[in-house]
Amino acid sequence: MSEKSKKKFQCKLILVGDSGVGKTCIINRYLKRSTLDVAATLSTSWYTKYEKINNYEIAFQIWDTVGQEQYRSLNTLFFKDAQICLIVFDITRKESFNNIQNYWYESIITNGPEGIVCGLAGNKNDLSEYEKVDRNEVKEFCEDIDAVFKYTSAKNNICIDELFKELGYKFLHSEFMKNMSISISISSISDSKDNKFLIDKKYKKKEQKMEKIGCC
C-alpha cells in the first residue's frame, strides 16, 4: 500500500504502576529522550509519538501518571477514554507486581472503557540478577488478562520499541477499531504540523472532554 493510502488513528495510551518502577524512563526511552536521573513523577503529563504499523500510522497520546499511593485515586480520572493501558512493575520489587494484581488491574477494568487493551512491562531487566518476581507467575497472570507483555529495560533500551508496536498492533485489532467510524487517507492531510487528525464528531467530543481535564 502506498504512503497516500495509509490511514491515521489517534490512541490514548496511559502508563500506570507503583512509584519508582520506571514509567517515565520507559516513556523517555521510547521518545528518544534521556532516561538519566529522572525524579518521581508528581503530576500527570502526556506526550505524542507517531508509530507506523503495517499500513497504518498511530498517534500515541502517551500519559504518564503518578505512582505514589496517596495520589492513586486521581489517576482514575485519566483512565476514561483510554484505548491502551500499560502497567509497569519492577522485577526487583515483588510488591510492585503484587500491586498490579491487587490494585492496578482492577482499577483499570473498573474505571476504564470496556475492551481496553492491556499491556505489562517487567522493567529493569538489566538487573535480572536481583529479580524477585517469579516469571511463571507473571506469564500466568498475563495469559489470564490477555495482556501484551515484555521484559524491558529503559536503561539499556531493551524491548521498549517492540512493546509499543505490539500494543499498537493489538489496538488495531481491538473492539475500538471495529466501533470507530474513522477512515482517513493520508492524502487528505497536509504536512503542516498545525493540522490535527480529522475524526468523527462523537470521537472529537471525547477528545474535547479529555482536553478540559488537562494535566494536573
Protein backbone atom coordinates (compact mmCIF):
# COMPACT_ATOMS: atom_id res chain seq x y z
CA MET A 1 0.00 0.00 0.00
CA SER A 2 1.32 3.41 -0.94
CA GLU A 3 2.02 6.23 1.50
CA LYS A 4 -1.00 8.12 0.16
CA SER A 5 -3.37 5.30 1.09
CA LYS A 6 -2.14 4.86 4.66
CA LYS A 7 -4.65 5.56 7.42
CA LYS A 8 -4.04 7.51 10.62
CA PHE A 9 -5.58 6.99 14.02
CA GLN A 10 -5.30 8.55 17.45
CA CYS A 11 -4.88 6.36 20.51
CA LYS A 12 -4.77 7.34 24.17
CA LEU A 13 -2.20 5.18 25.97
CA ILE A 14 -1.80 5.51 29.74
CA LEU A 15 1.03 4.13 31.89
CA VAL A 16 0.33 3.12 35.48
CA GLY A 17 2.19 1.33 38.25
CA ASP A 18 3.90 1.93 41.57
CA SER A 19 6.26 4.84 42.07
CA GLY A 20 9.83 4.12 41.01
CA VAL A 21 9.12 1.24 38.61
CA GLY A 22 10.35 3.25 35.61
CA LYS A 23 7.24 4.54 33.85
CA THR A 24 8.77 7.91 32.99
CA CYS A 25 12.05 6.29 31.93
CA ILE A 26 10.19 3.96 29.57
CA ILE A 27 8.41 6.93 28.02
CA ASN A 28 11.64 8.90 27.71
CA ARG A 29 13.40 5.97 26.06
CA TYR A 30 10.53 5.49 23.62
CA LEU A 31 10.58 9.20 22.80
CA LYS A 32 14.39 9.01 22.35
CA ARG A 33 14.97 11.29 25.30
CA SER A 34 17.44 10.97 28.18
CA THR A 35 16.48 8.46 30.89
CA LEU A 36 19.12 9.50 33.43
CA ASP A 37 18.34 10.96 36.86
CA VAL A 38 14.55 11.03 36.47
CA ALA A 39 12.76 12.12 39.64
CA ALA A 40 9.45 10.63 40.75
CA THR A 41 6.52 11.95 38.71
CA LEU A 42 4.43 14.35 40.80
CA SER A 43 1.86 15.35 38.17
CA THR A 44 0.22 13.72 35.17
CA SER A 45 1.60 14.72 31.78
CA TRP A 46 1.25 13.49 28.21
CA TYR A 47 3.27 13.29 25.01
CA THR A 48 2.63 12.35 21.38
CA LYS A 49 4.58 9.79 19.36
CA TYR A 50 3.74 8.57 15.85
CA GLU A 51 4.15 4.86 15.21
CA LYS A 52 3.87 3.15 11.82
CA ILE A 53 2.38 -0.34 11.98
CA ASN A 54 1.74 -2.17 8.72
CA ASN A 55 -0.42 0.14 6.59
CA TYR A 56 -1.42 2.40 9.47
CA GLU A 57 0.04 5.26 11.44
CA ILE A 58 -0.97 5.63 15.08
CA ALA A 59 -0.60 8.86 17.01
CA PHE A 60 0.03 7.54 20.50
CA GLN A 61 -1.06 10.09 23.08
CA ILE A 62 1.05 8.77 25.98
CA TRP A 63 0.00 9.69 29.52
CA ASP A 64 2.47 9.43 32.41
CA THR A 65 0.76 9.10 35.80
CA VAL A 66 1.70 9.46 39.45
CA GLY A 67 2.53 6.20 41.23
CA GLN A 68 2.55 7.32 44.87
CA GLU A 69 -0.22 5.65 46.85
CA GLN A 70 -1.70 8.89 48.20
CA TYR A 71 -2.35 10.10 44.63
CA ARG A 72 -3.66 6.88 43.09
CA SER A 73 -7.30 7.89 43.19
CA LEU A 74 -6.50 10.84 40.92
CA ASN A 75 -5.26 8.50 38.20
CA THR A 76 -8.72 7.05 37.66
CA LEU A 77 -9.74 10.37 36.09
CA PHE A 78 -7.35 9.68 33.24
CA PHE A 79 -8.48 6.09 32.57
CA LYS A 80 -11.62 7.34 30.84
CA ASP A 81 -11.39 7.20 27.05
CA ALA A 82 -8.05 5.36 27.16
CA GLN A 83 -7.67 2.69 24.50
CA ILE A 84 -4.49 1.17 25.93
CA CYS A 85 -3.17 0.83 29.47
CA LEU A 86 0.43 -0.23 30.07
CA ILE A 87 1.05 -1.43 33.64
CA VAL A 88 4.68 -1.36 34.74
CA PHE A 89 6.36 -3.25 37.56
CA ASP A 90 9.94 -3.51 38.77
CA ILE A 91 11.25 -7.08 38.52
CA THR A 92 13.43 -6.48 41.61
CA ARG A 93 10.41 -5.47 43.75
CA LYS A 94 7.82 -8.20 44.27
CA GLU A 95 5.43 -5.72 45.86
CA SER A 96 5.21 -3.75 42.61
CA PHE A 97 3.89 -6.84 40.84
CA ASN A 98 1.58 -7.79 43.70
CA ASN A 99 0.03 -4.33 43.50
CA ILE A 100 -0.81 -4.91 39.84
CA GLN A 101 -2.81 -7.96 40.83
CA ASN A 102 -4.33 -6.39 43.95
CA TYR A 103 -5.00 -2.84 42.75
CA TRP A 104 -3.89 -1.54 39.34
CA TYR A 105 -5.59 -4.05 37.04
CA GLU A 106 -8.90 -3.93 38.92
CA SER A 107 -8.79 -0.12 38.91
CA ILE A 108 -8.27 -0.09 35.14
CA ILE A 109 -11.14 -2.50 34.46
CA THR A 110 -13.44 -0.63 36.85
CA ASN A 111 -12.69 2.89 35.63
CA GLY A 112 -11.55 2.37 32.04
CA PRO A 113 -13.72 1.68 28.97
CA GLU A 114 -14.86 -1.77 28.01
CA GLY A 115 -12.37 -3.54 25.77
CA ILE A 116 -9.33 -1.53 26.86
CA VAL A 117 -6.10 -3.11 25.62
CA CYS A 118 -3.79 -4.07 28.49
CA GLY A 119 -0.03 -4.47 28.47
CA LEU A 120 2.51 -5.35 31.15
CA ALA A 121 6.15 -4.32 31.33
CA GLY A 122 8.53 -6.10 33.69
CA ASN A 123 11.02 -3.25 33.83
CA LYS A 124 14.67 -3.08 34.97
CA ASN A 125 15.57 -6.32 33.21
CA ASP A 126 19.18 -5.11 33.26
CA LEU A 127 19.06 -6.05 36.97
CA SER A 128 17.90 -9.62 36.34
CA GLU A 129 20.38 -10.99 38.91
CA TYR A 130 18.27 -9.27 41.58
CA GLU A 131 14.94 -10.45 40.19
CA LYS A 132 12.28 -11.13 42.84
CA VAL A 133 9.20 -11.85 40.70
CA ASP A 134 8.56 -15.41 39.55
CA ARG A 135 8.38 -15.48 35.75
CA ASN A 136 5.85 -18.30 35.67
CA GLU A 137 3.54 -16.24 37.86
CA VAL A 138 3.90 -13.28 35.50
CA LYS A 139 3.21 -15.45 32.46
CA GLU A 140 0.10 -16.97 34.03
CA PHE A 141 -1.27 -13.55 35.03
CA CYS A 142 -0.70 -12.13 31.53
CA GLU A 143 -2.48 -15.09 29.97
CA ASP A 144 -5.41 -14.66 32.38
CA ILE A 145 -5.94 -11.00 31.45
CA ASP A 146 -4.88 -11.38 27.80
CA ALA A 147 -2.13 -8.76 28.11
CA VAL A 148 0.78 -7.92 25.84
CA PHE A 149 3.94 -8.49 27.88
CA LYS A 150 7.64 -7.72 27.61
CA TYR A 151 10.60 -7.74 29.98
CA THR A 152 12.06 -4.29 29.44
CA SER A 153 15.00 -2.14 30.41
CA ALA A 154 14.66 1.59 29.89
CA LYS A 155 18.30 1.96 30.89
CA ASN A 156 19.61 -0.44 28.23
CA ASN A 157 16.79 0.10 25.72
CA ILE A 158 15.57 -3.49 25.84
CA CYS A 159 12.21 -4.25 24.16
CA ILE A 160 10.85 -0.72 24.53
CA ASP A 161 10.01 -0.10 20.87
CA GLU A 162 8.81 -3.68 20.45
CA LEU A 163 6.40 -3.31 23.36
CA PHE A 164 4.73 -0.19 21.97
CA LYS A 165 4.50 -1.70 18.49
CA GLU A 166 2.78 -4.82 19.85
CA LEU A 167 0.36 -2.68 21.85
CA GLY A 168 -0.40 -0.69 18.71
CA TYR A 169 -0.94 -3.86 16.71
CA LYS A 170 -3.37 -5.19 19.30
CA PHE A 171 -5.19 -1.83 19.33
CA LEU A 172 -5.65 -2.06 15.56
CA HIS A 173 -7.36 -5.42 16.07
CA SER A 174 -9.41 -4.35 19.09
CA GLU A 175 -13.10 -3.60 19.58
CA PHE A 176 -12.28 0.11 19.44
CA MET A 177 -11.35 -0.17 15.78
CA LYS A 178 -14.50 -2.13 14.97
CA ASN A 179 -16.62 0.60 16.55
CA MET A 180 -14.62 3.59 15.39
CA SER A 181 -16.04 5.18 12.25
CA ILE A 182 -12.76 6.74 11.15
CA SER A 183 -11.34 6.29 7.69
CA ILE A 184 -8.74 8.90 6.85
CA SER A 185 -6.41 8.89 3.89
CA ILE A 186 -3.04 10.46 4.44
CA SER A 187 -3.53 12.23 1.13
CA SER A 188 -6.29 14.36 2.69
CA ILE A 189 -3.95 15.71 5.35
CA SER A 190 -1.23 18.25 4.55
CA ASP A 191 2.24 18.11 6.04
CA SER A 192 1.56 21.12 8.26
CA LYS A 193 2.49 20.44 11.88
CA ASP A 194 -0.53 22.53 12.92
CA ASN A 195 -3.05 20.17 11.34
CA LYS A 196 -4.95 17.79 13.61
CA PHE A 197 -6.45 14.47 12.68
CA LEU A 198 -9.91 14.60 11.12
CA ILE A 199 -12.16 12.47 13.28
CA ASP A 200 -15.88 11.87 13.58
CA LYS A 201 -17.96 14.15 15.79
CA LYS A 202 -18.54 11.58 18.51
CA TYR A 203 -14.84 10.85 18.94
CA LYS A 204 -13.98 14.56 18.73
CA LYS A 205 -16.31 15.30 21.65
CA LYS A 206 -14.48 12.69 23.72
CA GLU A 207 -11.14 14.31 22.97
CA GLN A 208 -12.50 17.74 23.93
CA LYS A 209 -13.60 16.39 27.29
CA MET A 210 -10.13 14.95 27.81
CA GLU A 211 -8.53 18.30 26.98
CA LYS A 212 -10.68 20.00 29.62
CA ILE A 213 -9.29 17.64 32.26
CA GLY A 214 -5.78 18.69 31.27
CA CYS A 215 -2.68 17.89 33.25
CA CYS A 216 -2.64 18.20 36.99
